[in-house]
């Protein structure tokens, strides 16, 4: 199975780069397309239309990022309904006679930003979300994928300021009792290491600004 994954398009900011990257793979047979959040700038969901037009022909699953504002998320689900939106839940797909379980979430921060604290997303908020993700990771599936916006391991944010790591993600893969086969995230634009194997889990940072391409992942 071939998976294509990207994030942090921040349309229209990196829209041209997205289409350049997409054009290089448009003739590749992709079984599953994954989007790891921050699809538009500042919640302006109308800027997602051109991306949607090319991705709606695929089996596409997406999570939201911090730039995909909470108050606009219902519009994504309404107007871009050929995409499967996952938000702190799991889904199961049958692809090539295999059960693909996708656990999807905006993700967890080890240290919330000041703005997030002021808006109710404090340590308790993220602790409860992390517990929910950890529980869902124990679901079954031939191929199990953790799809988040925030990093699920700091191994794939290397290149960012080390002091910023706690506000880029959390050590979910390092700490989880049940593990996915693949973990995909974005958010870390300046990472120099975008792939790592952590506890036998293949972890990918698919942020478009970091990779300059859409990441292709072949399942084992």
N, C-alpha and C. Protein backbone atom coordinates (compact mmCIF):
# COMPACT_ATOMS: atom_id res chain seq x y z
N UNK A 1 0.84 -1.19 0.00
CA UNK A 1 0.00 0.00 0.00
C UNK A 1 0.88 1.24 0.00
N UNK A 2 0.52 2.22 -0.83
CA UNK A 2 1.29 3.46 -0.91
C UNK A 2 0.48 4.61 -0.33
N UNK A 3 1.07 5.27 0.66
CA UNK A 3 0.44 6.41 1.33
C UNK A 3 1.17 7.68 0.92
N UNK A 4 0.41 8.72 0.61
CA UNK A 4 0.96 10.05 0.41
C UNK A 4 0.54 10.91 1.58
N UNK A 5 1.45 11.72 2.11
CA UNK A 5 1.13 12.51 3.30
C UNK A 5 1.80 13.87 3.25
N UNK A 6 1.07 14.87 3.71
CA UNK A 6 1.65 16.21 3.80
C UNK A 6 0.88 17.01 4.85
N UNK A 7 1.38 18.19 5.17
CA UNK A 7 0.73 19.08 6.14
C UNK A 7 1.31 20.47 5.99
N UNK A 8 0.77 21.39 6.76
CA UNK A 8 1.31 22.75 6.84
C UNK A 8 1.39 23.43 5.48
N UNK A 9 0.31 23.28 4.72
CA UNK A 9 0.21 23.98 3.44
C UNK A 9 -0.07 25.46 3.69
N UNK A 10 -0.78 25.73 4.76
CA UNK A 10 -1.09 27.12 5.14
C UNK A 10 -1.58 27.92 3.93
N UNK A 11 -2.46 27.30 3.15
CA UNK A 11 -2.95 27.95 1.93
C UNK A 11 -3.51 29.34 2.25
N UNK A 12 -3.14 30.36 1.46
CA UNK A 12 -2.42 30.31 0.18
C UNK A 12 -0.90 30.40 0.29
N UNK A 13 -0.35 30.42 1.50
CA UNK A 13 1.08 30.68 1.67
C UNK A 13 1.95 29.70 0.89
N UNK A 14 1.68 28.40 1.05
CA UNK A 14 2.49 27.38 0.37
C UNK A 14 1.69 26.64 -0.69
N UNK A 15 0.65 27.30 -1.21
CA UNK A 15 -0.20 26.64 -2.20
C UNK A 15 0.56 26.30 -3.48
N UNK A 16 1.38 27.22 -3.95
CA UNK A 16 2.17 26.95 -5.16
C UNK A 16 3.10 25.77 -4.94
N UNK A 17 3.75 25.74 -3.77
CA UNK A 17 4.66 24.62 -3.46
C UNK A 17 3.89 23.31 -3.39
N UNK A 18 2.66 23.36 -2.87
CA UNK A 18 1.85 22.14 -2.81
C UNK A 18 1.59 21.61 -4.21
N UNK A 19 1.20 22.48 -5.14
CA UNK A 19 0.88 22.01 -6.48
C UNK A 19 2.13 21.55 -7.24
N UNK A 20 3.25 22.18 -6.98
CA UNK A 20 4.49 21.69 -7.58
C UNK A 20 4.81 20.29 -7.07
N UNK A 21 4.63 20.09 -5.77
CA UNK A 21 4.87 18.77 -5.18
C UNK A 21 3.86 17.75 -5.69
N UNK A 22 2.60 18.16 -5.78
CA UNK A 22 1.57 17.24 -6.26
C UNK A 22 1.80 16.84 -7.71
N UNK A 23 2.21 17.78 -8.54
CA UNK A 23 2.43 17.48 -9.96
C UNK A 23 3.49 16.41 -10.15
N UNK A 24 4.44 16.33 -9.22
CA UNK A 24 5.51 15.34 -9.36
C UNK A 24 5.03 13.93 -9.02
N UNK A 25 3.85 13.80 -8.40
CA UNK A 25 3.35 12.47 -8.04
C UNK A 25 1.97 12.19 -8.64
N UNK A 26 1.49 13.07 -9.49
CA UNK A 26 0.10 12.94 -9.96
C UNK A 26 -0.14 11.63 -10.72
N UNK A 27 0.90 11.04 -11.29
CA UNK A 27 0.73 9.79 -12.03
C UNK A 27 1.06 8.54 -11.21
N UNK A 28 1.34 8.74 -9.92
CA UNK A 28 1.63 7.63 -9.03
C UNK A 28 0.31 7.08 -8.47
N UNK A 29 0.20 5.77 -8.39
CA UNK A 29 -1.02 5.16 -7.82
C UNK A 29 -0.95 5.23 -6.30
N UNK A 30 -1.74 6.10 -5.73
CA UNK A 30 -1.75 6.33 -4.28
C UNK A 30 -3.01 5.69 -3.70
N UNK A 31 -2.82 4.88 -2.69
CA UNK A 31 -3.95 4.18 -2.07
C UNK A 31 -4.63 5.00 -0.98
N UNK A 32 -3.87 5.87 -0.33
CA UNK A 32 -4.38 6.63 0.80
C UNK A 32 -3.62 7.95 0.89
N UNK A 33 -4.37 9.04 1.01
CA UNK A 33 -3.75 10.37 1.14
C UNK A 33 -4.07 10.89 2.54
N UNK A 34 -3.03 11.30 3.27
CA UNK A 34 -3.21 11.78 4.64
C UNK A 34 -2.76 13.23 4.77
N UNK A 35 -3.57 14.02 5.47
CA UNK A 35 -3.26 15.43 5.71
C UNK A 35 -3.15 15.65 7.22
N UNK A 36 -1.99 16.18 7.64
CA UNK A 36 -1.72 16.31 9.08
C UNK A 36 -1.87 17.75 9.57
N UNK A 37 -2.89 18.45 9.06
CA UNK A 37 -3.27 19.73 9.64
C UNK A 37 -2.54 20.96 9.14
N UNK A 38 -3.01 22.12 9.62
CA UNK A 38 -2.58 23.45 9.17
C UNK A 38 -2.69 23.55 7.65
N UNK A 39 -3.91 23.36 7.20
CA UNK A 39 -4.19 23.31 5.77
C UNK A 39 -4.32 24.71 5.19
N UNK A 40 -4.77 25.67 6.01
CA UNK A 40 -4.92 27.05 5.55
C UNK A 40 -4.34 27.99 6.61
N UNK A 41 -4.21 29.23 6.24
CA UNK A 41 -3.75 30.25 7.18
C UNK A 41 -4.93 30.81 7.96
N UNK A 42 -4.79 30.86 9.26
CA UNK A 42 -5.71 31.56 10.15
C UNK A 42 -7.17 31.18 9.94
N UNK A 43 -7.41 29.90 9.72
CA UNK A 43 -8.78 29.41 9.66
C UNK A 43 -9.58 29.78 8.43
N UNK A 44 -8.95 30.39 7.43
CA UNK A 44 -9.68 30.83 6.24
C UNK A 44 -9.91 29.63 5.31
N UNK A 45 -10.96 28.87 5.65
CA UNK A 45 -11.19 27.57 4.99
C UNK A 45 -11.44 27.69 3.49
N UNK A 46 -11.85 28.86 3.00
CA UNK A 46 -12.06 29.03 1.56
C UNK A 46 -10.79 28.77 0.76
N UNK A 47 -9.64 28.98 1.39
CA UNK A 47 -8.38 28.75 0.69
C UNK A 47 -8.06 27.26 0.53
N UNK A 48 -8.92 26.41 1.09
CA UNK A 48 -8.71 24.98 0.94
C UNK A 48 -9.32 24.43 -0.34
N UNK A 49 -10.19 25.19 -0.98
CA UNK A 49 -10.90 24.69 -2.17
C UNK A 49 -9.97 24.13 -3.26
N UNK A 50 -8.91 24.84 -3.67
CA UNK A 50 -8.08 24.28 -4.74
C UNK A 50 -7.39 22.99 -4.35
N UNK A 51 -7.05 22.83 -3.08
CA UNK A 51 -6.45 21.59 -2.60
C UNK A 51 -7.48 20.47 -2.63
N UNK A 52 -8.67 20.79 -2.18
CA UNK A 52 -9.75 19.82 -2.16
C UNK A 52 -10.06 19.29 -3.55
N UNK A 53 -10.02 20.15 -4.54
CA UNK A 53 -10.36 19.75 -5.90
C UNK A 53 -9.45 18.65 -6.43
N UNK A 54 -8.20 18.63 -6.01
CA UNK A 54 -7.30 17.58 -6.50
C UNK A 54 -7.28 16.36 -5.57
N UNK A 55 -7.63 16.54 -4.30
CA UNK A 55 -7.55 15.43 -3.36
C UNK A 55 -8.85 14.66 -3.20
N UNK A 56 -9.96 15.21 -3.66
CA UNK A 56 -11.24 14.54 -3.43
C UNK A 56 -11.37 13.25 -4.22
N UNK A 57 -10.51 13.03 -5.21
CA UNK A 57 -10.58 11.78 -5.98
C UNK A 57 -9.87 10.63 -5.26
N UNK A 58 -9.11 10.95 -4.22
CA UNK A 58 -8.41 9.92 -3.44
C UNK A 58 -9.22 9.57 -2.19
N UNK A 59 -8.87 8.45 -1.58
CA UNK A 59 -9.31 8.20 -0.21
C UNK A 59 -8.42 9.07 0.67
N UNK A 60 -8.97 10.17 1.16
CA UNK A 60 -8.19 11.17 1.89
C UNK A 60 -8.72 11.30 3.31
N UNK A 61 -7.80 11.23 4.26
CA UNK A 61 -8.13 11.38 5.68
C UNK A 61 -7.32 12.56 6.21
N UNK A 62 -7.95 13.41 7.02
CA UNK A 62 -7.28 14.61 7.50
C UNK A 62 -7.57 14.87 8.97
N UNK A 63 -6.60 15.47 9.63
CA UNK A 63 -6.80 16.04 10.97
C UNK A 63 -6.61 17.55 10.87
N UNK A 64 -7.05 18.23 11.89
CA UNK A 64 -6.92 19.68 11.93
C UNK A 64 -5.64 20.08 12.65
N UNK A 65 -5.13 21.26 12.28
CA UNK A 65 -3.99 21.85 12.97
C UNK A 65 -4.42 23.09 13.73
N UNK A 66 -3.48 23.70 14.41
CA UNK A 66 -3.81 24.88 15.22
C UNK A 66 -4.26 26.06 14.38
N UNK A 67 -3.88 26.10 13.08
CA UNK A 67 -4.33 27.19 12.20
C UNK A 67 -5.72 26.91 11.61
N UNK A 68 -6.20 25.68 11.78
CA UNK A 68 -7.54 25.32 11.31
C UNK A 68 -8.49 25.54 12.49
N UNK A 69 -8.87 26.78 12.70
CA UNK A 69 -9.49 27.23 13.94
C UNK A 69 -10.72 26.40 14.30
N UNK A 70 -10.90 26.19 15.61
CA UNK A 70 -12.00 25.38 16.12
C UNK A 70 -13.34 25.85 15.58
N UNK A 71 -13.56 27.15 15.55
CA UNK A 71 -14.87 27.67 15.16
C UNK A 71 -15.16 27.50 13.67
N UNK A 72 -14.14 27.10 12.87
CA UNK A 72 -14.33 26.92 11.43
C UNK A 72 -14.37 25.45 11.02
N UNK A 73 -14.15 24.54 11.95
CA UNK A 73 -13.99 23.14 11.57
C UNK A 73 -15.26 22.50 11.02
N UNK A 74 -16.40 22.95 11.48
CA UNK A 74 -17.64 22.41 10.94
C UNK A 74 -17.81 22.78 9.46
N UNK A 75 -17.22 23.91 9.05
CA UNK A 75 -17.30 24.30 7.64
C UNK A 75 -16.48 23.34 6.77
N UNK A 76 -15.31 22.93 7.28
CA UNK A 76 -14.53 21.94 6.54
C UNK A 76 -15.36 20.68 6.31
N UNK A 77 -15.97 20.21 7.38
CA UNK A 77 -16.74 18.96 7.30
C UNK A 77 -17.94 19.10 6.37
N UNK A 78 -18.52 20.30 6.32
CA UNK A 78 -19.70 20.53 5.48
C UNK A 78 -19.34 20.69 4.01
N UNK A 79 -18.35 21.52 3.72
CA UNK A 79 -18.05 21.87 2.33
C UNK A 79 -17.02 20.95 1.67
N UNK A 80 -16.27 20.22 2.46
CA UNK A 80 -15.25 19.33 1.91
C UNK A 80 -15.53 17.91 2.38
N UNK A 81 -16.73 17.45 2.05
CA UNK A 81 -17.24 16.23 2.66
C UNK A 81 -16.75 14.94 2.02
N UNK A 82 -15.95 15.05 0.96
CA UNK A 82 -15.36 13.83 0.40
C UNK A 82 -14.06 13.46 1.13
N UNK A 83 -13.64 14.32 2.02
CA UNK A 83 -12.50 14.02 2.88
C UNK A 83 -13.03 13.48 4.21
N UNK A 84 -12.35 12.50 4.75
CA UNK A 84 -12.71 11.94 6.06
C UNK A 84 -11.97 12.73 7.12
N UNK A 85 -12.69 13.48 7.92
CA UNK A 85 -12.09 14.31 8.96
C UNK A 85 -12.11 13.54 10.28
N UNK A 86 -10.97 13.41 10.90
CA UNK A 86 -10.89 12.73 12.19
C UNK A 86 -10.42 13.72 13.25
N UNK A 87 -11.11 13.73 14.36
CA UNK A 87 -10.83 14.72 15.41
C UNK A 87 -11.00 14.04 16.77
N UNK A 88 -9.88 13.56 17.28
CA UNK A 88 -9.89 12.81 18.54
C UNK A 88 -10.78 11.57 18.46
N UNK A 89 -10.67 10.87 17.34
CA UNK A 89 -11.38 9.61 17.19
C UNK A 89 -10.58 8.70 16.25
N UNK A 90 -11.06 7.50 16.09
CA UNK A 90 -10.38 6.55 15.20
C UNK A 90 -11.35 6.08 14.13
N UNK A 91 -10.80 5.69 13.00
CA UNK A 91 -11.61 5.14 11.91
C UNK A 91 -10.92 3.88 11.40
N UNK A 92 -11.68 3.02 10.76
CA UNK A 92 -11.13 1.82 10.14
C UNK A 92 -11.51 1.83 8.66
N UNK A 93 -10.51 1.63 7.80
CA UNK A 93 -10.72 1.55 6.37
C UNK A 93 -10.27 0.19 5.88
N UNK A 94 -10.93 -0.29 4.83
CA UNK A 94 -10.48 -1.53 4.19
C UNK A 94 -9.79 -1.16 2.89
N UNK A 95 -8.49 -1.38 2.84
CA UNK A 95 -7.70 -1.07 1.65
C UNK A 95 -6.87 -2.29 1.31
N UNK A 96 -7.00 -2.76 0.08
CA UNK A 96 -6.26 -3.95 -0.36
C UNK A 96 -6.47 -5.13 0.58
N UNK A 97 -7.72 -5.29 1.02
CA UNK A 97 -8.09 -6.40 1.92
C UNK A 97 -7.36 -6.36 3.26
N UNK A 98 -6.93 -5.18 3.64
CA UNK A 98 -6.32 -4.99 4.95
C UNK A 98 -7.10 -3.95 5.73
N UNK A 99 -7.20 -4.16 7.04
CA UNK A 99 -7.84 -3.17 7.90
C UNK A 99 -6.82 -2.11 8.29
N UNK A 100 -7.09 -0.88 7.88
CA UNK A 100 -6.21 0.24 8.22
C UNK A 100 -6.92 1.06 9.31
N UNK A 101 -6.35 1.07 10.49
CA UNK A 101 -6.89 1.84 11.60
C UNK A 101 -6.13 3.15 11.72
N UNK A 102 -6.85 4.25 11.66
CA UNK A 102 -6.23 5.58 11.76
C UNK A 102 -6.75 6.26 13.01
N UNK A 103 -5.83 6.58 13.91
CA UNK A 103 -6.15 7.34 15.12
C UNK A 103 -5.78 8.79 14.82
N UNK A 104 -6.78 9.65 14.80
CA UNK A 104 -6.54 11.03 14.36
C UNK A 104 -6.82 12.06 15.42
N UNK A 105 -5.94 13.06 15.51
CA UNK A 105 -6.10 14.12 16.52
C UNK A 105 -5.22 15.30 16.13
N UNK A 106 -5.61 16.49 16.59
CA UNK A 106 -4.70 17.62 16.47
C UNK A 106 -3.40 17.32 17.21
N UNK A 107 -3.50 16.54 18.27
CA UNK A 107 -2.31 16.11 18.98
C UNK A 107 -2.14 16.76 20.33
N UNK A 108 -0.97 16.56 20.88
CA UNK A 108 -0.68 16.92 22.27
C UNK A 108 0.56 17.80 22.33
N UNK A 109 0.53 18.79 23.20
CA UNK A 109 1.70 19.61 23.49
C UNK A 109 2.18 19.31 24.90
N UNK A 110 3.46 19.17 25.05
CA UNK A 110 4.03 18.99 26.39
C UNK A 110 3.87 20.26 27.20
N UNK A 111 3.94 21.39 26.51
CA UNK A 111 3.81 22.69 27.18
C UNK A 111 2.94 23.61 26.34
N UNK A 112 1.70 23.90 26.78
CA UNK A 112 0.83 24.79 26.01
C UNK A 112 1.42 26.19 25.89
N UNK A 113 1.07 26.87 24.80
CA UNK A 113 1.48 28.26 24.65
C UNK A 113 0.62 29.14 25.57
N UNK A 114 1.04 30.36 25.73
CA UNK A 114 0.28 31.30 26.57
C UNK A 114 -1.12 31.48 26.02
N UNK A 115 -1.26 31.61 24.72
CA UNK A 115 -2.58 31.78 24.09
C UNK A 115 -3.45 30.58 24.37
N UNK A 116 -2.89 29.38 24.26
CA UNK A 116 -3.67 28.18 24.49
C UNK A 116 -4.16 28.09 25.93
N UNK A 117 -3.28 28.44 26.87
CA UNK A 117 -3.69 28.43 28.28
C UNK A 117 -4.87 29.36 28.50
N UNK A 118 -4.81 30.54 27.89
CA UNK A 118 -5.87 31.53 28.06
C UNK A 118 -7.18 31.08 27.43
N UNK A 119 -7.09 30.11 26.48
CA UNK A 119 -8.29 29.65 25.79
C UNK A 119 -8.68 28.22 26.19
N UNK A 120 -8.28 27.84 27.39
CA UNK A 120 -8.77 26.58 27.95
C UNK A 120 -7.98 25.34 27.58
N UNK A 121 -6.90 25.51 26.81
CA UNK A 121 -6.10 24.35 26.42
C UNK A 121 -4.84 24.29 27.29
N UNK A 122 -5.06 23.94 28.55
CA UNK A 122 -3.96 23.92 29.50
C UNK A 122 -3.42 22.49 29.64
N UNK A 123 -2.58 22.27 30.65
CA UNK A 123 -1.99 20.95 30.83
C UNK A 123 -3.04 19.86 31.03
N UNK A 124 -4.12 20.19 31.73
CA UNK A 124 -5.19 19.21 31.95
C UNK A 124 -5.85 18.82 30.64
N UNK A 125 -6.09 19.80 29.79
CA UNK A 125 -6.70 19.57 28.47
C UNK A 125 -5.86 18.59 27.67
N UNK A 126 -4.55 18.83 27.61
CA UNK A 126 -3.69 17.96 26.81
C UNK A 126 -3.45 16.60 27.48
N UNK A 127 -3.45 16.57 28.81
CA UNK A 127 -3.30 15.28 29.49
C UNK A 127 -4.49 14.38 29.17
N UNK A 128 -5.68 14.94 29.20
CA UNK A 128 -6.88 14.14 28.91
C UNK A 128 -6.88 13.69 27.45
N UNK A 129 -6.46 14.56 26.55
CA UNK A 129 -6.39 14.17 25.14
C UNK A 129 -5.36 13.07 24.94
N UNK A 130 -4.23 13.19 25.62
CA UNK A 130 -3.18 12.17 25.49
C UNK A 130 -3.67 10.83 25.98
N UNK A 131 -4.39 10.82 27.08
CA UNK A 131 -4.93 9.57 27.61
C UNK A 131 -5.89 8.93 26.61
N UNK A 132 -6.67 9.75 25.94
CA UNK A 132 -7.62 9.24 24.95
C UNK A 132 -6.87 8.63 23.76
N UNK A 133 -5.82 9.32 23.31
CA UNK A 133 -5.01 8.80 22.20
C UNK A 133 -4.36 7.48 22.59
N UNK A 134 -3.80 7.44 23.79
CA UNK A 134 -3.13 6.21 24.26
C UNK A 134 -4.10 5.04 24.26
N UNK A 135 -5.33 5.29 24.66
CA UNK A 135 -6.34 4.22 24.69
C UNK A 135 -6.68 3.77 23.28
N UNK A 136 -6.84 4.71 22.36
CA UNK A 136 -7.18 4.35 20.98
C UNK A 136 -6.06 3.59 20.30
N UNK A 137 -4.83 3.84 20.71
CA UNK A 137 -3.70 3.14 20.12
C UNK A 137 -3.74 1.64 20.40
N UNK A 138 -4.54 1.23 21.35
CA UNK A 138 -4.65 -0.19 21.66
C UNK A 138 -5.72 -0.89 20.82
N UNK A 139 -6.36 -0.16 19.91
CA UNK A 139 -7.30 -0.80 18.99
C UNK A 139 -6.53 -1.66 18.00
N UNK A 140 -7.26 -2.59 17.38
CA UNK A 140 -6.59 -3.49 16.45
C UNK A 140 -6.60 -2.94 15.03
N UNK A 141 -5.84 -3.60 14.16
CA UNK A 141 -5.76 -3.20 12.77
C UNK A 141 -4.54 -3.82 12.13
N UNK A 142 -4.67 -4.23 10.86
CA UNK A 142 -3.50 -4.79 10.15
C UNK A 142 -2.41 -3.73 10.01
N UNK A 143 -2.84 -2.50 9.74
CA UNK A 143 -1.93 -1.37 9.68
C UNK A 143 -2.53 -0.28 10.57
N UNK A 144 -1.79 0.13 11.55
CA UNK A 144 -2.27 1.11 12.52
C UNK A 144 -1.45 2.39 12.37
N UNK A 145 -2.15 3.50 12.14
CA UNK A 145 -1.49 4.78 11.88
C UNK A 145 -1.94 5.82 12.90
N UNK A 146 -1.00 6.49 13.52
CA UNK A 146 -1.30 7.64 14.36
C UNK A 146 -1.08 8.89 13.52
N UNK A 147 -2.14 9.66 13.32
CA UNK A 147 -2.10 10.87 12.49
C UNK A 147 -2.41 12.06 13.37
N UNK A 148 -1.42 12.91 13.60
CA UNK A 148 -1.59 14.11 14.44
C UNK A 148 -0.96 15.31 13.74
N UNK A 149 -1.37 16.49 14.18
CA UNK A 149 -0.68 17.69 13.70
C UNK A 149 0.60 17.92 14.50
N UNK A 150 0.45 17.97 15.82
CA UNK A 150 1.63 18.16 16.67
C UNK A 150 2.49 16.91 16.65
N UNK A 151 3.76 17.08 16.87
CA UNK A 151 4.70 15.97 16.82
C UNK A 151 4.37 14.92 17.88
N UNK A 152 4.48 13.65 17.48
CA UNK A 152 4.25 12.55 18.42
C UNK A 152 5.57 11.99 18.95
N UNK A 153 6.67 12.57 18.53
CA UNK A 153 8.01 12.27 19.05
C UNK A 153 8.89 13.46 18.72
N UNK A 154 9.85 13.75 19.60
CA UNK A 154 10.76 14.85 19.31
C UNK A 154 11.90 14.43 18.39
N UNK A 155 11.95 13.15 18.03
CA UNK A 155 13.00 12.67 17.12
C UNK A 155 12.89 13.30 15.74
N UNK A 156 11.68 13.76 15.37
CA UNK A 156 11.46 14.31 14.04
C UNK A 156 11.18 15.81 14.05
N UNK A 157 11.66 16.48 15.09
CA UNK A 157 11.63 17.95 15.10
C UNK A 157 13.04 18.52 15.20
N UNK A 158 14.04 17.64 15.16
CA UNK A 158 15.44 18.07 15.28
C UNK A 158 15.76 19.07 14.17
N UNK A 159 16.30 20.20 14.56
CA UNK A 159 16.53 21.31 13.63
C UNK A 159 15.77 22.54 14.10
N UNK A 160 14.68 22.31 14.83
CA UNK A 160 13.98 23.40 15.51
C UNK A 160 14.78 23.77 16.77
N UNK A 161 14.50 24.95 17.32
CA UNK A 161 15.13 25.33 18.58
C UNK A 161 14.75 24.31 19.65
N UNK A 162 15.74 23.81 20.36
CA UNK A 162 15.45 22.78 21.37
C UNK A 162 14.52 23.30 22.45
N UNK A 163 14.63 24.57 22.77
CA UNK A 163 13.76 25.15 23.80
C UNK A 163 12.30 25.18 23.35
N UNK A 164 12.07 25.06 22.03
CA UNK A 164 10.71 25.10 21.50
C UNK A 164 10.06 23.72 21.44
N UNK A 165 10.83 22.65 21.66
CA UNK A 165 10.28 21.30 21.53
C UNK A 165 8.98 21.10 22.31
N UNK A 166 8.90 21.53 23.59
CA UNK A 166 7.67 21.27 24.35
C UNK A 166 6.41 21.90 23.74
N UNK A 167 6.59 22.94 22.91
CA UNK A 167 5.44 23.57 22.26
C UNK A 167 5.26 23.09 20.83
N UNK A 168 5.97 22.04 20.46
CA UNK A 168 5.83 21.44 19.14
C UNK A 168 5.14 20.08 19.19
N UNK A 169 5.12 19.47 20.37
CA UNK A 169 4.52 18.15 20.46
C UNK A 169 4.74 17.49 21.80
N UNK A 170 4.78 16.17 21.78
CA UNK A 170 4.88 15.40 23.02
C UNK A 170 5.52 14.05 22.68
N UNK A 171 5.97 13.33 23.71
CA UNK A 171 6.64 12.05 23.51
C UNK A 171 5.65 10.88 23.54
N UNK A 172 4.64 10.94 22.70
CA UNK A 172 3.61 9.89 22.70
C UNK A 172 4.21 8.53 22.34
N UNK A 173 5.01 8.49 21.29
CA UNK A 173 5.56 7.21 20.84
C UNK A 173 6.52 6.63 21.88
N UNK A 174 7.29 7.48 22.52
CA UNK A 174 8.22 7.00 23.54
C UNK A 174 7.51 6.43 24.75
N UNK A 175 6.29 6.89 25.02
CA UNK A 175 5.61 6.55 26.27
C UNK A 175 4.42 5.62 26.12
N UNK A 176 3.93 5.41 24.92
CA UNK A 176 2.70 4.63 24.73
C UNK A 176 2.90 3.16 25.07
N UNK A 177 1.88 2.57 25.67
CA UNK A 177 1.91 1.14 25.94
C UNK A 177 1.64 0.35 24.66
N UNK A 178 0.66 0.82 23.89
CA UNK A 178 0.34 0.22 22.59
C UNK A 178 0.86 1.15 21.50
N UNK A 179 1.46 0.58 20.48
CA UNK A 179 2.14 1.39 19.47
C UNK A 179 1.49 1.23 18.10
N UNK A 180 1.52 2.29 17.30
CA UNK A 180 1.10 2.17 15.91
C UNK A 180 2.25 1.59 15.08
N UNK A 181 1.96 1.24 13.85
CA UNK A 181 3.03 0.85 12.93
C UNK A 181 3.72 2.08 12.36
N UNK A 182 2.91 3.13 12.13
CA UNK A 182 3.39 4.37 11.52
C UNK A 182 2.81 5.55 12.29
N UNK A 183 3.61 6.57 12.54
CA UNK A 183 3.13 7.82 13.14
C UNK A 183 3.46 8.96 12.19
N UNK A 184 2.47 9.78 11.90
CA UNK A 184 2.62 10.88 10.94
C UNK A 184 2.19 12.17 11.63
N UNK A 185 3.02 13.20 11.50
CA UNK A 185 2.68 14.51 12.09
C UNK A 185 3.24 15.63 11.21
N UNK A 186 2.93 16.85 11.58
CA UNK A 186 3.48 18.03 10.91
C UNK A 186 3.97 19.02 11.94
N UNK A 187 3.66 20.31 11.71
CA UNK A 187 3.86 21.42 12.65
C UNK A 187 5.31 21.92 12.74
N UNK A 188 6.29 21.05 12.64
CA UNK A 188 7.70 21.47 12.78
C UNK A 188 8.26 21.84 11.40
N UNK A 189 8.11 23.10 11.03
CA UNK A 189 8.49 23.57 9.70
C UNK A 189 10.00 23.52 9.47
N UNK A 190 10.79 23.69 10.51
CA UNK A 190 12.23 23.88 10.35
C UNK A 190 13.03 22.63 10.71
N UNK A 191 12.34 21.52 10.86
CA UNK A 191 13.04 20.28 11.19
C UNK A 191 13.99 19.88 10.06
N UNK A 192 15.14 19.39 10.45
CA UNK A 192 16.12 18.87 9.49
C UNK A 192 16.05 17.34 9.42
N UNK A 193 15.54 16.73 10.47
CA UNK A 193 15.32 15.28 10.48
C UNK A 193 13.81 15.06 10.46
N UNK A 194 13.32 14.53 9.35
CA UNK A 194 11.87 14.37 9.20
C UNK A 194 11.44 12.91 9.21
N UNK A 195 12.37 12.00 9.43
CA UNK A 195 12.04 10.59 9.55
C UNK A 195 12.93 9.96 10.61
N UNK A 196 12.30 9.12 11.44
CA UNK A 196 13.07 8.40 12.45
C UNK A 196 12.30 7.12 12.81
N UNK A 197 13.01 6.14 13.30
CA UNK A 197 12.38 4.93 13.82
C UNK A 197 12.50 4.97 15.34
N UNK A 198 11.37 5.01 16.00
CA UNK A 198 11.32 5.12 17.46
C UNK A 198 10.53 3.93 17.99
N UNK A 199 11.19 3.09 18.76
CA UNK A 199 10.55 1.87 19.31
C UNK A 199 9.91 1.04 18.19
N UNK A 200 10.61 0.93 17.09
CA UNK A 200 10.16 0.17 15.91
C UNK A 200 8.97 0.82 15.19
N UNK A 201 8.64 2.05 15.56
CA UNK A 201 7.58 2.79 14.87
C UNK A 201 8.24 3.74 13.87
N UNK A 202 7.76 3.72 12.64
CA UNK A 202 8.25 4.68 11.65
C UNK A 202 7.53 6.01 11.86
N UNK A 203 8.30 7.02 12.23
CA UNK A 203 7.74 8.34 12.53
C UNK A 203 8.13 9.31 11.42
N UNK A 204 7.13 9.97 10.84
CA UNK A 204 7.34 10.90 9.74
C UNK A 204 6.82 12.29 10.11
N UNK A 205 7.67 13.28 9.95
CA UNK A 205 7.23 14.68 9.97
C UNK A 205 7.00 15.06 8.51
N UNK A 206 5.73 15.26 8.14
CA UNK A 206 5.41 15.48 6.73
C UNK A 206 5.16 16.95 6.39
N UNK A 207 5.57 17.86 7.28
CA UNK A 207 5.36 19.29 7.03
C UNK A 207 5.95 19.68 5.69
N UNK A 208 5.14 20.29 4.84
CA UNK A 208 5.58 20.68 3.49
C UNK A 208 6.78 21.62 3.51
N UNK A 209 6.82 22.63 4.41
CA UNK A 209 8.00 23.52 4.41
C UNK A 209 9.29 22.79 4.77
N UNK A 210 9.21 21.71 5.55
CA UNK A 210 10.41 20.98 5.95
C UNK A 210 10.87 20.00 4.86
N UNK A 211 9.91 19.39 4.16
CA UNK A 211 10.24 18.34 3.19
C UNK A 211 10.37 18.84 1.76
N UNK A 212 9.68 19.96 1.46
CA UNK A 212 9.65 20.48 0.08
C UNK A 212 9.07 19.48 -0.90
N UNK A 213 8.28 18.54 -0.40
CA UNK A 213 7.65 17.53 -1.26
C UNK A 213 6.53 16.87 -0.47
N UNK A 214 5.69 16.15 -1.17
CA UNK A 214 4.70 15.29 -0.52
C UNK A 214 5.39 13.98 -0.21
N UNK A 215 5.28 13.53 1.02
CA UNK A 215 6.00 12.34 1.47
C UNK A 215 5.25 11.08 1.05
N UNK A 216 5.95 10.16 0.41
CA UNK A 216 5.37 8.87 0.02
C UNK A 216 5.86 7.80 0.99
N UNK A 217 4.91 7.01 1.49
CA UNK A 217 5.22 5.99 2.49
C UNK A 217 4.70 4.64 1.99
N UNK A 218 5.58 3.71 1.83
CA UNK A 218 5.20 2.36 1.42
C UNK A 218 5.04 1.51 2.69
N UNK A 219 3.87 0.92 2.86
CA UNK A 219 3.67 0.07 4.04
C UNK A 219 4.39 -1.25 3.84
N UNK A 220 4.77 -1.86 4.95
CA UNK A 220 5.52 -3.11 4.89
C UNK A 220 4.58 -4.29 4.71
